[in-house]
N, C-alpha and C. Protein backbone atom coordinates (compact mmCIF):
# COMPACT_ATOMS: atom_id res chain seq x y z
N MET A 1 105.73 122.66 127.56
CA MET A 1 107.17 122.79 127.66
C MET A 1 107.60 124.09 126.97
N TRP A 2 108.48 124.82 127.62
CA TRP A 2 108.95 126.09 127.07
C TRP A 2 110.20 125.89 126.23
N GLN A 3 110.35 126.75 125.22
CA GLN A 3 111.59 126.84 124.46
C GLN A 3 112.28 128.13 124.89
N ILE A 4 113.57 128.04 125.17
CA ILE A 4 114.37 129.18 125.60
C ILE A 4 115.30 129.51 124.44
N ILE A 5 115.21 130.74 123.92
CA ILE A 5 115.92 131.11 122.71
C ILE A 5 116.71 132.40 122.95
N PRO A 6 118.03 132.40 122.74
CA PRO A 6 118.78 133.65 122.88
C PRO A 6 118.35 134.66 121.82
N GLU A 7 118.32 135.93 122.20
CA GLU A 7 117.88 136.97 121.26
C GLU A 7 118.89 137.19 120.14
N ARG A 8 120.17 137.16 120.48
CA ARG A 8 121.23 137.36 119.50
C ARG A 8 122.39 136.43 119.83
N TRP A 9 123.33 136.34 118.92
CA TRP A 9 124.45 135.42 119.04
C TRP A 9 125.20 135.57 120.36
N PHE A 10 125.60 136.78 120.74
CA PHE A 10 126.39 136.98 121.95
C PHE A 10 125.57 137.53 123.13
N SER A 11 124.30 137.63 122.97
CA SER A 11 123.43 138.22 123.99
C SER A 11 123.09 137.21 125.08
N TRP A 12 122.91 137.71 126.32
CA TRP A 12 122.41 136.90 127.42
C TRP A 12 120.97 137.30 127.73
N ASN A 13 120.27 137.79 126.73
CA ASN A 13 118.84 138.04 126.82
C ASN A 13 118.13 136.95 126.02
N PHE A 14 117.02 136.47 126.56
CA PHE A 14 116.35 135.31 125.98
C PHE A 14 114.86 135.56 125.81
N LYS A 15 114.28 134.89 124.83
CA LYS A 15 112.84 134.82 124.65
C LYS A 15 112.40 133.45 125.15
N VAL A 16 111.29 133.41 125.86
CA VAL A 16 110.70 132.15 126.30
C VAL A 16 109.39 132.00 125.54
N THR A 17 109.26 130.89 124.82
CA THR A 17 108.06 130.66 124.04
C THR A 17 107.46 129.30 124.40
N GLU A 18 106.18 129.19 124.12
CA GLU A 18 105.50 127.91 124.23
C GLU A 18 104.74 127.75 122.92
N GLY A 19 105.24 126.88 122.05
CA GLY A 19 104.72 126.82 120.69
C GLY A 19 105.05 128.12 119.99
N ALA A 20 104.07 128.76 119.39
CA ALA A 20 104.28 130.05 118.72
C ALA A 20 104.02 131.24 119.64
N GLN A 21 103.62 130.98 120.88
CA GLN A 21 103.24 132.03 121.84
C GLN A 21 104.45 132.51 122.65
N LEU A 22 104.68 133.83 122.69
CA LEU A 22 105.71 134.41 123.54
C LEU A 22 105.23 134.38 124.99
N VAL A 23 106.03 133.80 125.87
CA VAL A 23 105.70 133.73 127.29
C VAL A 23 106.34 134.89 128.03
N ALA A 24 107.62 135.15 127.74
CA ALA A 24 108.35 136.19 128.49
C ALA A 24 109.67 136.52 127.81
N ASP A 25 110.23 137.64 128.24
CA ASP A 25 111.60 138.02 127.90
C ASP A 25 112.41 137.94 129.19
N LEU A 26 113.59 137.32 129.12
CA LEU A 26 114.48 137.22 130.27
C LEU A 26 115.76 137.98 129.94
N ASP A 27 116.11 138.95 130.76
CA ASP A 27 117.32 139.75 130.55
C ASP A 27 118.30 139.49 131.67
N ILE A 28 119.55 139.22 131.29
CA ILE A 28 120.63 139.05 132.26
C ILE A 28 121.63 140.17 131.98
N SER A 29 121.94 140.95 132.98
CA SER A 29 122.85 142.08 132.84
C SER A 29 124.26 141.60 132.48
N SER A 30 124.96 142.41 131.73
CA SER A 30 126.35 142.11 131.41
C SER A 30 127.24 142.26 132.64
N TRP A 31 126.82 143.05 133.58
CA TRP A 31 127.58 143.32 134.80
C TRP A 31 126.79 142.80 135.99
N ARG A 32 127.41 142.05 136.83
CA ARG A 32 126.83 141.59 138.08
C ARG A 32 125.66 140.63 137.89
N ASP A 33 125.18 140.09 138.98
CA ASP A 33 124.08 139.13 138.95
C ASP A 33 122.76 139.87 139.09
N ARG A 34 122.32 140.45 137.98
CA ARG A 34 121.05 141.16 137.98
C ARG A 34 120.41 141.07 136.62
N GLY A 35 119.12 141.36 136.60
CA GLY A 35 118.40 141.30 135.35
C GLY A 35 116.93 141.59 135.55
N GLU A 36 116.14 141.21 134.55
CA GLU A 36 114.70 141.45 134.61
C GLU A 36 113.95 140.34 133.89
N LEU A 37 112.72 140.15 134.33
CA LEU A 37 111.75 139.32 133.62
C LEU A 37 110.68 140.26 133.10
N HIS A 38 110.27 140.07 131.88
CA HIS A 38 109.18 140.86 131.30
C HIS A 38 108.07 139.87 130.95
N VAL A 39 106.99 139.90 131.74
CA VAL A 39 105.91 138.92 131.63
C VAL A 39 104.57 139.64 131.58
N GLU A 40 103.78 139.36 130.56
CA GLU A 40 102.43 139.88 130.46
C GLU A 40 102.35 141.38 130.76
N GLY A 41 103.27 142.14 130.17
CA GLY A 41 103.27 143.59 130.33
C GLY A 41 103.81 144.09 131.66
N GLN A 42 104.34 143.22 132.48
CA GLN A 42 104.89 143.61 133.79
C GLN A 42 106.36 143.23 133.86
N SER A 43 107.14 144.06 134.55
CA SER A 43 108.56 143.78 134.73
C SER A 43 108.85 143.41 136.18
N TYR A 44 109.75 142.46 136.35
CA TYR A 44 110.19 142.00 137.66
C TYR A 44 111.70 142.15 137.71
N ALA A 45 112.20 142.73 138.78
CA ALA A 45 113.64 142.95 138.93
C ALA A 45 114.28 141.77 139.64
N ILE A 46 115.48 141.41 139.20
CA ILE A 46 116.27 140.36 139.82
C ILE A 46 117.61 140.96 140.17
N SER A 47 118.04 140.76 141.42
CA SER A 47 119.33 141.33 141.82
C SER A 47 119.93 140.60 143.01
N ARG A 48 121.23 140.77 143.11
CA ARG A 48 121.96 140.33 144.28
C ARG A 48 122.22 141.59 145.08
N LYS A 49 121.95 141.57 146.38
CA LYS A 49 121.98 142.79 147.19
C LYS A 49 123.36 143.46 147.23
N ASN A 50 124.40 142.68 147.36
CA ASN A 50 125.76 143.23 147.31
C ASN A 50 126.70 142.16 146.80
N TRP A 51 127.92 142.53 146.50
CA TRP A 51 128.83 141.59 145.85
C TRP A 51 129.25 140.44 146.76
N LEU A 52 129.08 140.54 148.06
CA LEU A 52 129.42 139.45 148.98
C LEU A 52 128.26 138.49 149.21
N SER A 53 127.08 138.91 148.89
CA SER A 53 125.88 138.12 149.16
C SER A 53 125.78 136.92 148.21
N ARG A 54 125.25 135.82 148.72
CA ARG A 54 124.97 134.64 147.91
C ARG A 54 123.48 134.57 147.57
N THR A 55 122.72 135.59 147.98
CA THR A 55 121.27 135.58 147.80
C THR A 55 120.85 136.47 146.64
N ILE A 56 120.02 135.93 145.77
CA ILE A 56 119.46 136.66 144.63
C ILE A 56 117.95 136.74 144.85
N THR A 57 117.39 137.93 144.64
CA THR A 57 115.96 138.13 144.88
C THR A 57 115.21 138.45 143.59
N LEU A 58 113.95 138.04 143.58
CA LEU A 58 113.00 138.40 142.54
C LEU A 58 112.02 139.37 143.19
N GLU A 59 111.89 140.57 142.60
CA GLU A 59 111.04 141.60 143.20
C GLU A 59 110.02 142.14 142.20
N ASP A 60 108.87 142.44 142.74
CA ASP A 60 107.79 143.09 142.02
C ASP A 60 107.63 144.44 142.68
N GLY A 61 108.32 145.45 142.16
CA GLY A 61 108.34 146.74 142.85
C GLY A 61 109.12 146.61 144.15
N ALA A 62 108.50 146.93 145.26
CA ALA A 62 109.17 146.84 146.56
C ALA A 62 108.92 145.50 147.25
N ARG A 63 108.14 144.63 146.63
CA ARG A 63 107.77 143.36 147.24
C ARG A 63 108.68 142.23 146.75
N VAL A 64 109.30 141.50 147.68
CA VAL A 64 110.15 140.36 147.34
C VAL A 64 109.25 139.14 147.13
N LEU A 65 109.31 138.57 145.93
CA LEU A 65 108.49 137.40 145.61
C LEU A 65 109.21 136.09 145.91
N ALA A 66 110.53 136.10 145.74
CA ALA A 66 111.30 134.87 145.98
C ALA A 66 112.76 135.21 146.23
N THR A 67 113.43 134.34 146.94
CA THR A 67 114.87 134.45 147.12
C THR A 67 115.51 133.11 146.78
N ALA A 68 116.69 133.19 146.23
CA ALA A 68 117.46 131.99 145.92
C ALA A 68 118.85 132.21 146.51
N GLU A 69 119.27 131.28 147.32
CA GLU A 69 120.61 131.38 147.91
C GLU A 69 121.52 130.36 147.26
N ARG A 70 122.63 130.86 146.72
CA ARG A 70 123.62 129.96 146.12
C ARG A 70 124.22 129.10 147.22
N LEU A 71 124.22 127.81 147.01
CA LEU A 71 124.77 126.91 148.01
C LEU A 71 126.29 127.03 148.03
N ARG A 72 126.86 127.04 149.19
CA ARG A 72 128.27 127.32 149.38
C ARG A 72 129.18 126.34 148.64
N PHE A 73 128.96 125.06 148.78
CA PHE A 73 129.90 124.08 148.24
C PHE A 73 129.58 123.66 146.81
N PHE A 74 128.42 124.04 146.34
CA PHE A 74 128.02 123.70 144.97
C PHE A 74 127.75 124.99 144.23
N ARG A 75 128.75 125.50 143.58
CA ARG A 75 128.75 126.83 143.01
C ARG A 75 127.50 127.15 142.18
N HIS A 76 127.03 126.21 141.40
CA HIS A 76 125.90 126.49 140.53
C HIS A 76 124.63 125.78 141.00
N SER A 77 124.42 125.77 142.29
CA SER A 77 123.20 125.22 142.88
C SER A 77 122.57 126.28 143.76
N TYR A 78 121.24 126.26 143.81
CA TYR A 78 120.52 127.26 144.58
C TYR A 78 119.48 126.59 145.47
N SER A 79 119.30 127.16 146.64
CA SER A 79 118.22 126.75 147.53
C SER A 79 117.16 127.85 147.45
N LEU A 80 115.93 127.45 147.14
CA LEU A 80 114.83 128.41 147.03
C LEU A 80 113.83 128.12 148.14
N GLU A 81 113.40 129.17 148.79
CA GLU A 81 112.37 129.08 149.83
C GLU A 81 111.10 129.70 149.26
N ILE A 82 110.07 128.87 149.08
CA ILE A 82 108.82 129.35 148.50
C ILE A 82 107.66 128.82 149.33
N ALA A 83 106.89 129.73 149.89
CA ALA A 83 105.70 129.38 150.67
C ALA A 83 106.00 128.33 151.74
N GLY A 84 107.13 128.52 152.43
CA GLY A 84 107.48 127.63 153.53
C GLY A 84 108.11 126.31 153.11
N MET A 85 108.27 126.10 151.81
CA MET A 85 108.88 124.87 151.30
C MET A 85 110.26 125.19 150.73
N THR A 86 111.16 124.23 150.83
CA THR A 86 112.50 124.40 150.28
C THR A 86 112.64 123.57 149.01
N TYR A 87 113.21 124.19 147.99
CA TYR A 87 113.47 123.55 146.71
C TYR A 87 114.94 123.75 146.38
N ILE A 88 115.51 122.79 145.69
CA ILE A 88 116.91 122.88 145.26
C ILE A 88 116.93 122.88 143.74
N LEU A 89 117.64 123.85 143.17
CA LEU A 89 117.86 123.95 141.74
C LEU A 89 119.34 123.67 141.53
N GLN A 90 119.66 122.55 140.86
CA GLN A 90 121.06 122.15 140.75
C GLN A 90 121.32 121.45 139.42
N ARG A 91 122.60 121.39 139.06
CA ARG A 91 122.97 120.66 137.85
C ARG A 91 122.63 119.19 138.04
N LYS A 92 122.16 118.59 136.96
CA LYS A 92 121.77 117.19 137.00
C LYS A 92 122.99 116.29 137.20
N SER A 93 124.14 116.69 136.59
CA SER A 93 125.39 115.95 136.77
C SER A 93 126.53 116.94 136.80
N ALA A 94 127.66 116.50 137.29
CA ALA A 94 128.83 117.38 137.42
C ALA A 94 129.35 117.85 136.07
N PHE A 95 129.09 117.10 135.02
CA PHE A 95 129.69 117.42 133.73
C PHE A 95 128.72 118.03 132.72
N GLY A 96 127.43 117.94 132.97
CA GLY A 96 126.45 118.46 132.02
C GLY A 96 125.97 119.84 132.39
N ARG A 97 125.13 120.40 131.52
CA ARG A 97 124.55 121.72 131.78
C ARG A 97 123.08 121.65 132.14
N ALA A 98 122.48 120.48 132.07
CA ALA A 98 121.07 120.33 132.43
C ALA A 98 120.90 120.57 133.93
N PHE A 99 119.79 121.20 134.29
CA PHE A 99 119.47 121.48 135.69
C PHE A 99 118.17 120.79 136.06
N VAL A 100 118.05 120.43 137.33
CA VAL A 100 116.81 119.86 137.84
C VAL A 100 116.36 120.67 139.05
N LEU A 101 115.05 120.76 139.21
CA LEU A 101 114.44 121.37 140.38
C LEU A 101 113.90 120.22 141.21
N THR A 102 114.31 120.15 142.48
CA THR A 102 113.89 119.04 143.33
C THR A 102 113.26 119.56 144.61
N ASN A 103 112.41 118.72 145.19
CA ASN A 103 111.91 118.94 146.54
C ASN A 103 112.15 117.66 147.31
N ASP A 104 111.52 117.49 148.46
CA ASP A 104 111.79 116.30 149.27
C ASP A 104 111.25 115.02 148.63
N ILE A 105 110.43 115.14 147.61
CA ILE A 105 109.89 113.96 146.91
C ILE A 105 110.79 113.52 145.76
N GLY A 106 111.39 114.48 145.06
CA GLY A 106 112.25 114.16 143.92
C GLY A 106 112.26 115.28 142.90
N VAL A 107 112.58 114.95 141.66
CA VAL A 107 112.67 115.94 140.57
C VAL A 107 111.26 116.38 140.17
N ILE A 108 111.07 117.70 140.14
CA ILE A 108 109.76 118.25 139.75
C ILE A 108 109.85 119.22 138.57
N GLY A 109 111.08 119.54 138.13
CA GLY A 109 111.25 120.45 136.99
C GLY A 109 112.63 120.27 136.37
N THR A 110 112.75 120.68 135.10
CA THR A 110 114.03 120.55 134.40
C THR A 110 114.26 121.73 133.47
N VAL A 111 115.54 122.05 133.24
CA VAL A 111 115.97 122.97 132.18
C VAL A 111 117.12 122.26 131.50
N THR A 112 116.96 122.01 130.18
CA THR A 112 117.92 121.19 129.44
C THR A 112 118.36 121.89 128.17
N PRO A 113 119.67 122.01 127.93
CA PRO A 113 120.12 122.59 126.66
C PRO A 113 119.73 121.67 125.51
N THR A 114 119.47 122.25 124.33
CA THR A 114 119.06 121.44 123.19
C THR A 114 120.24 120.89 122.41
N GLY A 115 121.44 121.36 122.70
CA GLY A 115 122.64 120.86 122.02
C GLY A 115 123.85 121.03 122.91
N LEU A 116 124.92 120.36 122.54
CA LEU A 116 126.13 120.36 123.35
C LEU A 116 126.69 121.77 123.61
N PHE A 117 126.72 122.59 122.56
CA PHE A 117 127.28 123.94 122.72
C PHE A 117 126.23 125.03 122.58
N SER A 118 124.99 124.66 122.51
CA SER A 118 123.90 125.60 122.28
C SER A 118 123.44 126.29 123.56
N ARG A 119 123.00 127.55 123.42
CA ARG A 119 122.36 128.24 124.53
C ARG A 119 120.84 128.13 124.42
N HIS A 120 120.34 127.47 123.38
CA HIS A 120 118.92 127.15 123.28
C HIS A 120 118.63 126.06 124.31
N ALA A 121 117.42 126.10 124.85
CA ALA A 121 117.07 125.11 125.87
C ALA A 121 115.57 124.86 125.86
N VAL A 122 115.19 123.83 126.57
CA VAL A 122 113.78 123.57 126.85
C VAL A 122 113.63 123.51 128.37
N ALA A 123 112.49 123.97 128.85
CA ALA A 123 112.24 123.98 130.30
C ALA A 123 110.86 123.41 130.58
N ASP A 124 110.80 122.63 131.63
CA ASP A 124 109.54 122.07 132.10
C ASP A 124 109.49 122.32 133.60
N MET A 125 108.75 123.34 134.00
CA MET A 125 108.65 123.72 135.40
C MET A 125 107.24 123.44 135.92
N PRO A 126 107.10 123.14 137.21
CA PRO A 126 105.79 122.79 137.75
C PRO A 126 104.78 123.94 137.65
N ALA A 127 103.59 123.62 137.17
CA ALA A 127 102.55 124.63 136.94
C ALA A 127 101.97 125.18 138.24
N ASP A 128 102.23 124.54 139.38
CA ASP A 128 101.66 125.06 140.63
C ASP A 128 102.41 126.28 141.15
N PHE A 129 103.53 126.67 140.51
CA PHE A 129 104.21 127.93 140.84
C PHE A 129 103.68 129.01 139.91
N SER A 130 103.70 130.25 140.37
CA SER A 130 103.28 131.36 139.51
C SER A 130 104.26 131.47 138.33
N LEU A 131 103.80 132.09 137.27
CA LEU A 131 104.62 132.27 136.08
C LEU A 131 105.93 133.00 136.40
N PRO A 132 105.92 134.12 137.15
CA PRO A 132 107.19 134.78 137.47
C PRO A 132 108.16 133.88 138.26
N LEU A 133 107.65 133.05 139.16
CA LEU A 133 108.53 132.16 139.92
C LEU A 133 109.18 131.11 139.02
N ARG A 134 108.41 130.53 138.11
CA ARG A 134 108.97 129.54 137.18
C ARG A 134 110.01 130.18 136.28
N LEU A 135 109.74 131.39 135.83
CA LEU A 135 110.70 132.09 134.97
C LEU A 135 111.96 132.47 135.74
N PHE A 136 111.82 132.82 137.02
CA PHE A 136 112.97 133.12 137.87
C PHE A 136 113.90 131.90 137.96
N MET A 137 113.33 130.72 138.08
CA MET A 137 114.13 129.50 138.15
C MET A 137 114.90 129.28 136.85
N VAL A 138 114.24 129.52 135.71
CA VAL A 138 114.93 129.41 134.42
C VAL A 138 116.03 130.46 134.33
N TRP A 139 115.75 131.67 134.77
CA TRP A 139 116.74 132.75 134.75
C TRP A 139 117.98 132.35 135.55
N LEU A 140 117.79 131.71 136.71
CA LEU A 140 118.92 131.28 137.52
C LEU A 140 119.80 130.27 136.78
N VAL A 141 119.18 129.37 136.03
CA VAL A 141 119.94 128.40 135.24
C VAL A 141 120.75 129.13 134.17
N LEU A 142 120.14 130.07 133.48
CA LEU A 142 120.85 130.83 132.46
C LEU A 142 122.01 131.61 133.06
N LEU A 143 121.83 132.16 134.26
CA LEU A 143 122.91 132.85 134.95
C LEU A 143 124.06 131.88 135.26
N ALA A 144 123.73 130.68 135.70
CA ALA A 144 124.76 129.68 135.98
C ALA A 144 125.53 129.33 134.70
N TRP A 145 124.83 129.22 133.58
CA TRP A 145 125.50 128.96 132.31
C TRP A 145 126.44 130.10 131.94
N LYS A 146 125.98 131.33 132.18
CA LYS A 146 126.82 132.49 131.88
C LYS A 146 128.07 132.48 132.74
N HIS A 147 127.93 132.20 134.02
CA HIS A 147 129.10 132.14 134.92
C HIS A 147 130.07 131.05 134.47
N ARG A 148 129.53 129.90 134.10
CA ARG A 148 130.38 128.78 133.68
C ARG A 148 131.16 129.15 132.42
N LYS A 149 130.50 129.82 131.47
CA LYS A 149 131.17 130.24 130.24
C LYS A 149 132.26 131.27 130.54
N GLN A 150 131.99 132.20 131.46
CA GLN A 150 132.99 133.20 131.84
C GLN A 150 134.18 132.54 132.53
N GLN A 151 133.94 131.55 133.38
CA GLN A 151 135.02 130.83 134.04
C GLN A 151 135.89 130.09 133.02
N ALA A 152 135.26 129.47 132.03
CA ALA A 152 136.00 128.76 131.01
C ALA A 152 136.85 129.72 130.18
N ALA A 153 136.32 130.90 129.89
CA ALA A 153 137.07 131.89 129.12
C ALA A 153 138.28 132.39 129.91
N ARG A 154 138.11 132.58 131.23
CA ARG A 154 139.22 133.03 132.07
C ARG A 154 140.31 131.97 132.18
N SER A 155 139.91 130.70 132.17
CA SER A 155 140.89 129.62 132.34
C SER A 155 141.44 129.13 130.99
N GLY A 156 140.97 129.74 129.89
CA GLY A 156 141.48 129.36 128.58
C GLY A 156 140.71 128.24 127.91
N GLY A 157 139.63 127.76 128.57
CA GLY A 157 138.79 126.70 127.97
C GLY A 157 137.74 127.32 127.08
N SER A 158 136.88 126.49 126.53
CA SER A 158 135.82 127.03 125.67
C SER A 158 134.50 127.07 126.36
């Protein structure tokens, strides 16, 4: 199980650890839906192609490794197409921040905050996906949390 730890109080950059071992650094840009994964000395770019697009891609140089399309009616849910299979990454409940990764069988992964107002989290993603793909799924959850916090700030909530 991974621990997800923000680098600084107001930062949207995170360290992913497993026990005392650093797994990766996840960076979310302050502007737009973009960022990077830094894994085992390699960087992977994450971006949305344009401001109208609902699709976010994970790229290794010029090669697209995965795409996630935000579902239209569920703002913080994504459909992922990986090796011909479809997976859904969505909030576990309408009121919580926990996310589940599901396929046609059921829940196969989770990302759960460790406290009510904390940005610390734990993640349990299926080992049959490559490390960059599992980290991309965690990154998408963190992006959803960032969007939700920005929406609350705009509407005067916390």
